[in-house]
């Protein structure tokens, strides 16, 4: 099979592209390397079945070329940042909404069977009805969340109007190797690990009682591949199904690294939510349980990668 992975040099996209190539598929990676990294594609060196198209999803002709002959498209590319969307809603909209529309148009016109899109739990907003089901009314609190919601609307529209199969995966808090702790878009786990391992203070926005539902990147890859194999069209939560406070997360990482550092508390960031917990029942019924990696095991693997990568020379 031939698959396109937008954002394929990024954190999640590179793991997904690698897994597809390992299964023997041909993979076309589309990435503008604004946040994606060449070192995330070291596994692809010498693999003829992997092609890299450098460019943005705002470039429809490029996407048409990439999608030609493809069986499926995994759409991971985005400006995945709440603060960035608040600071520049027009710029992030151009990628997250217009770019997503371009991906759907290119896939439709190329006769692609299915598009699996990365969406976000940010769509739920600060909803107290935990655990969150896909049927909850969206309450976006940031331009980023609104943009991801619009992507879901377009996906459903393309399924209904044009017969293009689409599944939107609402990612909760994804973590794991290749998540860049220096990036302003990075997740809290990679940032905490980087700073705690270095023995420097960490910053928690809020009082630390806010919770997140974490899921390891390998489990997210599994969800994508299973969603592509299914004929289900709609939205699915992708999460571990457990609630962890940031205070507890910091404590566990300190225990894993053997380092203790100060925690500095700052004002909550605009657009952030307080509690997050997914109901994964629909996911499990539709494509099976995907969260196989425990938080402890996932943190251990991520810490090991982080310490190793810091010793390696930059590409």
C-alpha atoms as a PDB file:
ATOM      1  CA  UNK A   1       0.000   0.000   0.000  1.00  0.00           C
ATOM      2  CA  UNK A   2       1.006   3.605  -0.497  1.00  0.00           C
ATOM      3  CA  UNK A   3       0.380   6.124   2.267  1.00  0.00           C
ATOM      4  CA  UNK A   4       0.909   9.863   2.667  1.00  0.00           C
ATOM      5  CA  UNK A   5       1.841  11.228   6.094  1.00  0.00           C
ATOM      6  CA  UNK A   6       1.604  15.002   6.433  1.00  0.00           C
ATOM      7  CA  UNK A   7       3.826  16.305   9.199  1.00  0.00           C
ATOM      8  CA  UNK A   8       5.819  13.098   8.803  1.00  0.00           C
ATOM      9  CA  UNK A   9       9.039  14.598  10.166  1.00  0.00           C
ATOM     10  CA  UNK A  10       7.327  15.696  13.368  1.00  0.00           C
ATOM     11  CA  UNK A  11       6.922  13.983  16.694  1.00  0.00           C
ATOM     12  CA  UNK A  12       3.893  11.770  16.030  1.00  0.00           C
ATOM     13  CA  UNK A  13       4.147  11.758  12.235  1.00  0.00           C
ATOM     14  CA  UNK A  14       7.688  10.368  12.171  1.00  0.00           C
ATOM     15  CA  UNK A  15       6.744   7.458  14.433  1.00  0.00           C
ATOM     16  CA  UNK A  16       3.715   6.748  12.260  1.00  0.00           C
ATOM     17  CA  UNK A  17       5.702   6.919   9.022  1.00  0.00           C
ATOM     18  CA  UNK A  18       8.350   4.606  10.499  1.00  0.00           C
ATOM     19  CA  UNK A  19       5.739   2.051  11.570  1.00  0.00           C
ATOM     20  CA  UNK A  20       4.158   2.063   8.104  1.00  0.00           C
ATOM     21  CA  UNK A  21       7.545   1.612   6.429  1.00  0.00           C
ATOM     22  CA  UNK A  22       8.354  -1.233   8.836  1.00  0.00           C
ATOM     23  CA  UNK A  23       5.179  -2.941   7.656  1.00  0.00           C
ATOM     24  CA  UNK A  24       6.497  -2.735   4.085  1.00  0.00           C
ATOM     25  CA  UNK A  25       4.303   0.089   2.819  1.00  0.00           C
ATOM     26  CA  UNK A  26       5.434   2.915   0.549  1.00  0.00           C
ATOM     27  CA  UNK A  27       5.372   6.186   2.471  1.00  0.00           C
ATOM     28  CA  UNK A  28       5.296   9.760   1.197  1.00  0.00           C
ATOM     29  CA  UNK A  29       6.193  12.291   3.886  1.00  0.00           C
ATOM     30  CA  UNK A  30       5.031  15.889   3.459  1.00  0.00           C
ATOM     31  CA  UNK A  31       6.671  18.332   5.869  1.00  0.00           C
ATOM     32  CA  UNK A  32       7.899  21.921   5.705  1.00  0.00           C
ATOM     33  CA  UNK A  33      10.356  21.284   8.580  1.00  0.00           C
ATOM     34  CA  UNK A  34       9.130  24.338  10.476  1.00  0.00           C
ATOM     35  CA  UNK A  35       8.916  22.097  13.546  1.00  0.00           C
ATOM     36  CA  UNK A  36       9.715  18.699  12.024  1.00  0.00           C
ATOM     37  CA  UNK A  37      13.322  17.524  12.234  1.00  0.00           C
ATOM     38  CA  UNK A  38      15.575  15.697   9.812  1.00  0.00           C
ATOM     39  CA  UNK A  39      16.938  13.609  12.694  1.00  0.00           C
ATOM     40  CA  UNK A  40      13.437  12.189  13.188  1.00  0.00           C
ATOM     41  CA  UNK A  41      13.858  10.555   9.766  1.00  0.00           C
ATOM     42  CA  UNK A  42      17.201   8.844  10.303  1.00  0.00           C
ATOM     43  CA  UNK A  43      15.390   5.517  10.208  1.00  0.00           C
ATOM     44  CA  UNK A  44      14.412   6.256   6.585  1.00  0.00           C
ATOM     45  CA  UNK A  45      17.960   6.621   5.256  1.00  0.00           C
ATOM     46  CA  UNK A  46      18.489   4.224   2.376  1.00  0.00           C
ATOM     47  CA  UNK A  47      14.839   3.159   2.201  1.00  0.00           C
ATOM     48  CA  UNK A  48      13.607   3.473  -1.384  1.00  0.00           C
ATOM     49  CA  UNK A  49       9.994   3.088  -0.282  1.00  0.00           C
ATOM     50  CA  UNK A  50      10.131   6.368   1.673  1.00  0.00           C
ATOM     51  CA  UNK A  51       9.852   9.686  -0.195  1.00  0.00           C
ATOM     52  CA  UNK A  52      10.118  13.107   1.433  1.00  0.00           C
ATOM     53  CA  UNK A  53       8.282  16.052  -0.135  1.00  0.00           C
ATOM     54  CA  UNK A  54       9.464  19.240   1.528  1.00  0.00           C
ATOM     55  CA  UNK A  55       6.696  21.811   1.601  1.00  0.00           C
ATOM     56  CA  UNK A  56       3.638  23.091   3.392  1.00  0.00           C
ATOM     57  CA  UNK A  57       0.094  21.736   3.407  1.00  0.00           C
ATOM     58  CA  UNK A  58      -0.908  25.234   2.312  1.00  0.00           C
ATOM     59  CA  UNK A  59       0.539  24.221  -1.098  1.00  0.00           C
ATOM     60  CA  UNK A  60      -2.310  22.395  -2.827  1.00  0.00           C
ATOM     61  CA  UNK A  61      -0.325  21.461  -5.990  1.00  0.00           C
ATOM     62  CA  UNK A  62       2.318  19.821  -3.781  1.00  0.00           C
ATOM     63  CA  UNK A  63      -0.372  17.831  -1.984  1.00  0.00           C
ATOM     64  CA  UNK A  64      -1.915  16.735  -5.279  1.00  0.00           C
ATOM     65  CA  UNK A  65       1.466  15.403  -6.343  1.00  0.00           C
ATOM     66  CA  UNK A  66       2.010  13.636  -3.018  1.00  0.00           C
ATOM     67  CA  UNK A  67      -1.456  12.033  -3.020  1.00  0.00           C
ATOM     68  CA  UNK A  68      -1.242  10.687  -6.570  1.00  0.00           C
ATOM     69  CA  UNK A  69      -1.629   6.904  -6.371  1.00  0.00           C
ATOM     70  CA  UNK A  70      -2.038   6.881  -2.579  1.00  0.00           C
ATOM     71  CA  UNK A  71      -4.344   4.435  -0.813  1.00  0.00           C
ATOM     72  CA  UNK A  72      -4.647   6.517   2.331  1.00  0.00           C
ATOM     73  CA  UNK A  73      -3.567   9.769   3.957  1.00  0.00           C
ATOM     74  CA  UNK A  74      -2.609  10.350   7.586  1.00  0.00           C
ATOM     75  CA  UNK A  75      -2.958  14.061   8.295  1.00  0.00           C
ATOM     76  CA  UNK A  76      -0.675  14.989  11.206  1.00  0.00           C
ATOM     77  CA  UNK A  77       0.614  18.397  10.063  1.00  0.00           C
ATOM     78  CA  UNK A  78      -0.516  21.379  12.128  1.00  0.00           C
ATOM     79  CA  UNK A  79       0.573  24.328  14.188  1.00  0.00           C
ATOM     80  CA  UNK A  80      -0.187  22.389  17.366  1.00  0.00           C
ATOM     81  CA  UNK A  81      -0.033  25.183  19.894  1.00  0.00           C
ATOM     82  CA  UNK A  82      -2.731  26.902  21.923  1.00  0.00           C
ATOM     83  CA  UNK A  83      -0.505  29.920  22.793  1.00  0.00           C
ATOM     84  CA  UNK A  84       0.585  30.318  19.154  1.00  0.00           C
ATOM     85  CA  UNK A  85      -3.036  30.286  17.988  1.00  0.00           C
ATOM     86  CA  UNK A  86      -3.959  32.908  20.582  1.00  0.00           C
ATOM     87  CA  UNK A  87      -1.071  35.137  19.482  1.00  0.00           C
ATOM     88  CA  UNK A  88      -1.613  34.580  15.738  1.00  0.00           C
ATOM     89  CA  UNK A  89      -5.072  33.168  14.978  1.00  0.00           C
ATOM     90  CA  UNK A  90      -4.897  34.077  11.283  1.00  0.00           C
ATOM     91  CA  UNK A  91      -1.541  32.406  10.727  1.00  0.00           C
ATOM     92  CA  UNK A  92      -2.493  29.223  12.555  1.00  0.00           C
ATOM     93  CA  UNK A  93      -5.844  29.132  10.762  1.00  0.00           C
ATOM     94  CA  UNK A  94      -4.063  29.164   7.389  1.00  0.00           C
ATOM     95  CA  UNK A  95      -2.361  25.881   8.300  1.00  0.00           C
ATOM     96  CA  UNK A  96      -4.861  24.192  10.589  1.00  0.00           C
ATOM     97  CA  UNK A  97      -8.029  24.939   8.609  1.00  0.00           C
ATOM     98  CA  UNK A  98      -7.039  25.917   5.057  1.00  0.00           C
ATOM     99  CA  UNK A  99      -4.254  23.315   5.063  1.00  0.00           C
ATOM    100  CA  UNK A 100      -6.622  20.600   6.258  1.00  0.00           C
ATOM    101  CA  UNK A 101      -9.087  21.526   3.529  1.00  0.00           C
ATOM    102  CA  UNK A 102      -6.254  21.233   0.994  1.00  0.00           C
ATOM    103  CA  UNK A 103      -5.417  17.746   2.272  1.00  0.00           C
ATOM    104  CA  UNK A 104      -9.032  16.625   1.912  1.00  0.00           C
ATOM    105  CA  UNK A 105      -9.358  18.122  -1.574  1.00  0.00           C
ATOM    106  CA  UNK A 106      -6.111  16.515  -2.759  1.00  0.00           C
ATOM    107  CA  UNK A 107      -7.137  13.144  -1.329  1.00  0.00           C
ATOM    108  CA  UNK A 108     -10.601  13.327  -2.872  1.00  0.00           C
ATOM    109  CA  UNK A 109      -9.285  14.266  -6.296  1.00  0.00           C
ATOM    110  CA  UNK A 110      -6.650  11.515  -6.186  1.00  0.00           C
ATOM    111  CA  UNK A 111      -9.243   8.846  -5.430  1.00  0.00           C
ATOM    112  CA  UNK A 112      -7.786   8.073  -2.004  1.00  0.00           C
ATOM    113  CA  UNK A 113      -9.940   5.651   0.000  1.00  0.00           C
ATOM    114  CA  UNK A 114      -9.506   7.187   3.436  1.00  0.00           C
ATOM    115  CA  UNK A 115      -8.028  10.076   5.389  1.00  0.00           C
ATOM    116  CA  UNK A 116      -7.248   9.742   9.096  1.00  0.00           C
ATOM    117  CA  UNK A 117      -6.954  13.166  10.699  1.00  0.00           C
ATOM    118  CA  UNK A 118      -5.267  14.224  13.926  1.00  0.00           C
ATOM    119  CA  UNK A 119      -7.740  16.217  15.991  1.00  0.00           C
ATOM    120  CA  UNK A 120      -7.534  17.324  19.610  1.00  0.00           C
ATOM    121  CA  UNK A 121      -9.116  16.973  23.031  1.00  0.00           C
ATOM    122  CA  UNK A 122      -8.867  20.768  23.173  1.00  0.00           C
ATOM    123  CA  UNK A 123     -12.182  20.703  21.313  1.00  0.00           C
ATOM    124  CA  UNK A 124     -13.930  19.785  24.569  1.00  0.00           C
ATOM    125  CA  UNK A 125     -12.699  22.856  26.410  1.00  0.00           C
ATOM    126  CA  UNK A 126     -12.882  22.916  30.206  1.00  0.00           C
ATOM    127  CA  UNK A 127     -15.821  20.532  30.381  1.00  0.00           C
ATOM    128  CA  UNK A 128     -16.667  19.133  33.852  1.00  0.00           C
ATOM    129  CA  UNK A 129     -18.572  16.123  32.457  1.00  0.00           C
ATOM    130  CA  UNK A 130     -15.726  13.653  32.903  1.00  0.00           C
ATOM    131  CA  UNK A 131     -14.873  11.239  31.432  1.00  0.00           C
ATOM    132  CA  UNK A 132     -15.401  13.009  28.130  1.00  0.00           C
ATOM    133  CA  UNK A 133     -17.388  11.221  25.441  1.00  0.00           C
ATOM    134  CA  UNK A 134     -17.292  12.072  21.749  1.00  0.00           C
ATOM    135  CA  UNK A 135     -20.932  13.150  21.982  1.00  0.00           C
ATOM    136  CA  UNK A 136     -20.144  16.064  24.329  1.00  0.00           C
ATOM    137  CA  UNK A 137     -20.851  19.487  22.870  1.00  0.00           C
ATOM    138  CA  UNK A 138     -17.613  21.152  21.717  1.00  0.00           C
ATOM    139  CA  UNK A 139     -16.480  24.069  23.884  1.00  0.00           C
ATOM    140  CA  UNK A 140     -13.321  25.399  22.233  1.00  0.00           C
ATOM    141  CA  UNK A 141     -11.470  27.924  24.383  1.00  0.00           C
ATOM    142  CA  UNK A 142      -8.748  28.836  21.909  1.00  0.00           C
ATOM    143  CA  UNK A 143      -8.395  29.447  18.172  1.00  0.00           C
ATOM    144  CA  UNK A 144      -6.419  26.192  17.976  1.00  0.00           C
ATOM    145  CA  UNK A 145      -9.347  24.202  19.382  1.00  0.00           C
ATOM    146  CA  UNK A 146     -11.791  25.966  17.058  1.00  0.00           C
ATOM    147  CA  UNK A 147      -9.525  25.204  14.106  1.00  0.00           C
ATOM    148  CA  UNK A 148      -9.318  21.524  14.991  1.00  0.00           C
ATOM    149  CA  UNK A 149     -13.095  21.456  15.335  1.00  0.00           C
ATOM    150  CA  UNK A 150     -13.421  22.975  11.877  1.00  0.00           C
ATOM    151  CA  UNK A 151     -11.186  20.216  10.540  1.00  0.00           C
ATOM    152  CA  UNK A 152     -13.622  17.675  11.941  1.00  0.00           C
ATOM    153  CA  UNK A 153     -16.541  19.464  10.298  1.00  0.00           C
ATOM    154  CA  UNK A 154     -14.762  19.414   6.942  1.00  0.00           C
ATOM    155  CA  UNK A 155     -13.890  15.737   7.331  1.00  0.00           C
ATOM    156  CA  UNK A 156     -17.520  14.802   7.990  1.00  0.00           C
ATOM    157  CA  UNK A 157     -18.621  16.971   5.081  1.00  0.00           C
ATOM    158  CA  UNK A 158     -16.215  15.273   2.689  1.00  0.00           C
ATOM    159  CA  UNK A 159     -17.467  11.863   3.814  1.00  0.00           C
ATOM    160  CA  UNK A 160     -21.095  12.859   3.322  1.00  0.00           C
ATOM    161  CA  UNK A 161     -20.678  14.805   0.063  1.00  0.00           C
ATOM    162  CA  UNK A 162     -17.919  12.970  -1.743  1.00  0.00           C
ATOM    163  CA  UNK A 163     -17.763   9.514  -0.174  1.00  0.00           C
ATOM    164  CA  UNK A 164     -14.227  10.037   1.130  1.00  0.00           C
ATOM    165  CA  UNK A 165     -13.859   7.945   4.277  1.00  0.00           C
ATOM    166  CA  UNK A 166     -12.539   9.994   7.186  1.00  0.00           C
ATOM    167  CA  UNK A 167     -11.796   9.322  10.835  1.00  0.00           C
ATOM    168  CA  UNK A 168     -10.798  12.111  13.221  1.00  0.00           C
ATOM    169  CA  UNK A 169      -8.742  11.045  16.214  1.00  0.00           C
ATOM    170  CA  UNK A 170      -9.050  13.373  19.168  1.00  0.00           C
ATOM    171  CA  UNK A 171      -5.637  13.108  20.760  1.00  0.00           C
ATOM    172  CA  UNK A 172      -5.383  13.791  24.444  1.00  0.00           C
ATOM    173  CA  UNK A 173      -1.858  14.368  25.843  1.00  0.00           C
ATOM    174  CA  UNK A 174       0.591  12.461  23.674  1.00  0.00           C
ATOM    175  CA  UNK A 175       4.170  11.954  24.857  1.00  0.00           C
ATOM    176  CA  UNK A 176       7.235   9.908  24.011  1.00  0.00           C
ATOM    177  CA  UNK A 177      10.583   9.949  22.212  1.00  0.00           C
ATOM    178  CA  UNK A 178      11.206  12.667  19.578  1.00  0.00           C
ATOM    179  CA  UNK A 179       9.052  15.224  21.361  1.00  0.00           C
ATOM    180  CA  UNK A 180      11.273  18.299  21.390  1.00  0.00           C
ATOM    181  CA  UNK A 181      11.457  19.811  24.900  1.00  0.00           C
ATOM    182  CA  UNK A 182      12.881  23.064  23.507  1.00  0.00           C
ATOM    183  CA  UNK A 183       9.899  23.646  21.241  1.00  0.00           C
ATOM    184  CA  UNK A 184       7.203  26.106  22.370  1.00  0.00           C
ATOM    185  CA  UNK A 185       4.697  23.544  21.068  1.00  0.00           C
ATOM    186  CA  UNK A 186       6.065  20.700  23.170  1.00  0.00           C
ATOM    187  CA  UNK A 187       4.080  18.667  25.670  1.00  0.00           C
ATOM    188  CA  UNK A 188       4.449  19.004  29.422  1.00  0.00           C
ATOM    189  CA  UNK A 189       6.129  15.609  29.871  1.00  0.00           C
ATOM    190  CA  UNK A 190       9.050  16.316  27.544  1.00  0.00           C
ATOM    191  CA  UNK A 191       9.544  19.737  29.125  1.00  0.00           C
ATOM    192  CA  UNK A 192       9.453  18.336  32.657  1.00  0.00           C
ATOM    193  CA  UNK A 193      11.856  15.512  31.805  1.00  0.00           C
ATOM    194  CA  UNK A 194      14.353  17.847  30.181  1.00  0.00           C
ATOM    195  CA  UNK A 195      14.402  20.270  33.104  1.00  0.00           C
ATOM    196  CA  UNK A 196      14.212  17.748  35.934  1.00  0.00           C
ATOM    197  CA  UNK A 197      17.026  15.670  34.399  1.00  0.00           C
ATOM    198  CA  UNK A 198      19.112  18.847  34.281  1.00  0.00           C
ATOM    199  CA  UNK A 199      18.238  19.665  37.890  1.00  0.00           C
ATOM    200  CA  UNK A 200      16.691  23.035  37.085  1.00  0.00           C
ATOM    201  CA  UNK A 201      13.315  24.330  38.341  1.00  0.00           C
ATOM    202  CA  UNK A 202      10.148  23.516  36.427  1.00  0.00           C
ATOM    203  CA  UNK A 203       7.255  25.895  35.868  1.00  0.00           C
ATOM    204  CA  UNK A 204       3.665  24.797  36.396  1.00  0.00           C
ATOM    205  CA  UNK A 205       0.999  27.119  35.043  1.00  0.00           C
ATOM    206  CA  UNK A 206      -1.702  27.017  37.709  1.00  0.00           C
ATOM    207  CA  UNK A 207      -1.551  25.238  41.067  1.00  0.00           C
ATOM    208  CA  UNK A 208      -0.560  21.818  39.710  1.00  0.00           C
ATOM    209  CA  UNK A 209      -3.875  20.175  40.524  1.00  0.00           C
ATOM    210  CA  UNK A 210      -4.892  20.389  36.876  1.00  0.00           C
ATOM    211  CA  UNK A 211      -4.977  16.968  35.242  1.00  0.00           C
ATOM    212  CA  UNK A 212      -4.207  15.457  31.885  1.00  0.00           C
ATOM    213  CA  UNK A 213      -4.926  12.113  30.235  1.00  0.00           C
ATOM    214  CA  UNK A 214      -1.598  10.925  28.844  1.00  0.00           C
ATOM    215  CA  UNK A 215      -1.008   8.410  26.056  1.00  0.00           C
ATOM    216  CA  UNK A 216       2.268   7.065  24.701  1.00  0.00           C
ATOM    217  CA  UNK A 217       3.131   7.873  21.096  1.00  0.00           C
ATOM    218  CA  UNK A 218       3.382   4.201  20.111  1.00  0.00           C
ATOM    219  CA  UNK A 219      -0.212   3.702  21.196  1.00  0.00           C
ATOM    220  CA  UNK A 220      -1.264   6.704  19.096  1.00  0.00           C
ATOM    221  CA  UNK A 221       0.438   5.140  16.078  1.00  0.00           C
ATOM    222  CA  UNK A 222      -1.522   1.941  16.719  1.00  0.00           C
ATOM    223  CA  UNK A 223      -4.763   3.932  16.789  1.00  0.00           C
ATOM    224  CA  UNK A 224      -3.959   5.570  13.458  1.00  0.00           C
ATOM    225  CA  UNK A 225      -3.137   2.327  11.690  1.00  0.00           C
ATOM    226  CA  UNK A 226      -6.237   0.585  12.999  1.00  0.00           C
ATOM    227  CA  UNK A 227      -8.429   3.555  12.081  1.00  0.00           C
ATOM    228  CA  UNK A 228      -7.074   3.461   8.536  1.00  0.00           C
ATOM    229  CA  UNK A 229      -7.830  -0.264   8.263  1.00  0.00           C
ATOM    230  CA  UNK A 230     -11.428   0.227   9.420  1.00  0.00           C
ATOM    231  CA  UNK A 231     -14.332   1.703   7.460  1.00  0.00           C
ATOM    232  CA  UNK A 232     -15.525   3.733  10.424  1.00  0.00           C
ATOM    233  CA  UNK A 233     -16.213   7.394   9.671  1.00  0.00           C
ATOM    234  CA  UNK A 234     -16.485   9.769  12.600  1.00  0.00           C
ATOM    235  CA  UNK A 235     -14.622  10.875  15.720  1.00  0.00           C
ATOM    236  CA  UNK A 236     -12.749   8.799  18.297  1.00  0.00           C
ATOM    237  CA  UNK A 237     -10.992   9.728  21.525  1.00  0.00           C
ATOM    238  CA  UNK A 238      -7.384   8.556  21.693  1.00  0.00           C
ATOM    239  CA  UNK A 239      -6.173   8.527  25.294  1.00  0.00           C
ATOM    240  CA  UNK A 240      -4.939   6.367  28.105  1.00  0.00           C
ATOM    241  CA  UNK A 241      -8.182   6.756  30.043  1.00  0.00           C
ATOM    242  CA  UNK A 242      -6.469   7.795  33.295  1.00  0.00           C
ATOM    243  CA  UNK A 243      -6.321  11.196  34.998  1.00  0.00           C
ATOM    244  CA  UNK A 244      -2.912  12.405  36.260  1.00  0.00           C
ATOM    245  CA  UNK A 245      -2.243  15.735  37.975  1.00  0.00           C
ATOM    246  CA  UNK A 246       0.775  17.789  36.994  1.00  0.00           C
ATOM    247  CA  UNK A 247       1.995  17.718  40.588  1.00  0.00           C
ATOM    248  CA  UNK A 248       1.916  13.917  40.540  1.00  0.00           C
ATOM    249  CA  UNK A 249       3.560  13.831  37.114  1.00  0.00           C
ATOM    250  CA  UNK A 250       6.454  15.970  38.354  1.00  0.00           C
ATOM    251  CA  UNK A 251       6.892  13.721  41.394  1.00  0.00           C
ATOM    252  CA  UNK A 252       6.974  10.536  39.285  1.00  0.00           C
ATOM    253  CA  UNK A 253       9.533  11.987  36.866  1.00  0.00           C
ATOM    254  CA  UNK A 254      11.720  13.082  39.788  1.00  0.00           C
ATOM    255  CA  UNK A 255      11.545   9.541  41.145  1.00  0.00           C
ATOM    256  CA  UNK A 256      12.421   8.038  37.740  1.00  0.00           C
ATOM    257  CA  UNK A 257      15.396  10.340  37.176  1.00  0.00           C
ATOM    258  CA  UNK A 258      16.588  10.421  40.775  1.00  0.00           C
ATOM    259  CA  UNK A 259      16.680  14.213  40.616  1.00  0.00           C
ATOM    260  CA  UNK A 260      14.719  16.622  42.788  1.00  0.00           C
ATOM    261  CA  UNK A 261      14.116  20.208  41.689  1.00  0.00           C
ATOM    262  CA  UNK A 262      11.966  23.161  42.654  1.00  0.00           C
ATOM    263  CA  UNK A 263       8.488  23.660  41.221  1.00  0.00           C
ATOM    264  CA  UNK A 264       7.563  27.239  40.411  1.00  0.00           C
ATOM    265  CA  UNK A 265       3.888  28.038  40.057  1.00  0.00           C
ATOM    266  CA  UNK A 266       2.751  30.722  37.626  1.00  0.00           C
ATOM    267  CA  UNK A 267      -0.603  32.062  36.442  1.00  0.00           C
ATOM    268  CA  UNK A 268      -2.660  29.694  34.265  1.00  0.00           C
ATOM    269  CA  UNK A 269      -2.143  30.210  30.535  1.00  0.00           C
ATOM    270  CA  UNK A 270      -4.936  31.654  28.458  1.00  0.00           C
ATOM    271  CA  UNK A 271      -6.969  28.923  26.777  1.00  0.00           C
ATOM    272  CA  UNK A 272      -5.657  26.071  28.945  1.00  0.00           C
ATOM    273  CA  UNK A 273      -8.100  23.639  30.559  1.00  0.00           C
ATOM    274  CA  UNK A 274      -8.120  22.476  34.185  1.00  0.00           C
ATOM    275  CA  UNK A 275      -9.068  18.782  34.038  1.00  0.00           C
ATOM    276  CA  UNK A 276      -8.966  16.247  31.251  1.00  0.00           C
ATOM    277  CA  UNK A 277     -10.058  12.610  31.127  1.00  0.00           C
ATOM    278  CA  UNK A 278     -11.299  10.640  28.138  1.00  0.00           C
ATOM    279  CA  UNK A 279     -13.972   8.013  27.805  1.00  0.00           C
ATOM    280  CA  UNK A 280     -12.330   5.484  25.451  1.00  0.00           C
ATOM    281  CA  UNK A 281     -15.294   3.141  25.241  1.00  0.00           C
ATOM    282  CA  UNK A 282     -16.208   4.077  21.680  1.00  0.00           C
ATOM    283  CA  UNK A 283     -12.596   3.690  20.559  1.00  0.00           C
ATOM    284  CA  UNK A 284     -12.353   0.233  22.089  1.00  0.00           C
ATOM    285  CA  UNK A 285     -15.604  -0.952  20.513  1.00  0.00           C
ATOM    286  CA  UNK A 286     -14.651   0.472  17.107  1.00  0.00           C
ATOM    287  CA  UNK A 287     -10.959  -0.431  16.690  1.00  0.00           C
ATOM    288  CA  UNK A 288     -10.020  -2.098  19.985  1.00  0.00           C
ATOM    289  CA  UNK A 289      -8.027  -0.894  22.986  1.00  0.00           C
ATOM    290  CA  UNK A 290      -4.873   0.896  21.882  1.00  0.00           C
ATOM    291  CA  UNK A 291      -3.369   2.113  25.184  1.00  0.00           C
ATOM    292  CA  UNK A 292      -0.984  -0.760  25.915  1.00  0.00           C
ATOM    293  CA  UNK A 293       1.893   1.239  27.425  1.00  0.00           C
ATOM    294  CA  UNK A 294       1.523   2.269  31.082  1.00  0.00           C
ATOM    295  CA  UNK A 295       2.516   5.780  32.138  1.00  0.00           C
ATOM    296  CA  UNK A 296       5.432   4.393  34.178  1.00  0.00           C
ATOM    297  CA  UNK A 297       6.791   2.363  31.248  1.00  0.00           C
ATOM    298  CA  UNK A 298       6.228   5.197  28.798  1.00  0.00           C
ATOM    299  CA  UNK A 299       8.017   7.678  31.050  1.00  0.00           C
ATOM    300  CA  UNK A 300      10.950   5.294  31.451  1.00  0.00           C
ATOM    301  CA  UNK A 301      11.302   4.924  27.665  1.00  0.00           C
ATOM    302  CA  UNK A 302      10.964   8.671  27.146  1.00  0.00           C
ATOM    303  CA  UNK A 303      13.519   9.502  29.831  1.00  0.00           C
ATOM    304  CA  UNK A 304      15.970   6.983  28.368  1.00  0.00           C
ATOM    305  CA  UNK A 305      15.566   8.515  24.908  1.00  0.00           C
ATOM    306  CA  UNK A 306      15.897  12.044  26.266  1.00  0.00           C
ATOM    307  CA  UNK A 307      19.133  11.303  28.096  1.00  0.00           C
ATOM    308  CA  UNK A 308      20.563   9.453  25.095  1.00  0.00           C
ATOM    309  CA  UNK A 309      19.576  12.100  22.553  1.00  0.00           C
ATOM    310  CA  UNK A 310      21.234  14.844  24.602  1.00  0.00           C
ATOM    311  CA  UNK A 311      24.558  13.033  24.229  1.00  0.00           C
ATOM    312  CA  UNK A 312      24.234  12.653  20.461  1.00  0.00           C
ATOM    313  CA  UNK A 313      25.611  15.333  18.109  1.00  0.00           C
ATOM    314  CA  UNK A 314      22.992  17.369  16.269  1.00  0.00           C
ATOM    315  CA  UNK A 315      22.296  16.428  12.650  1.00  0.00           C
END
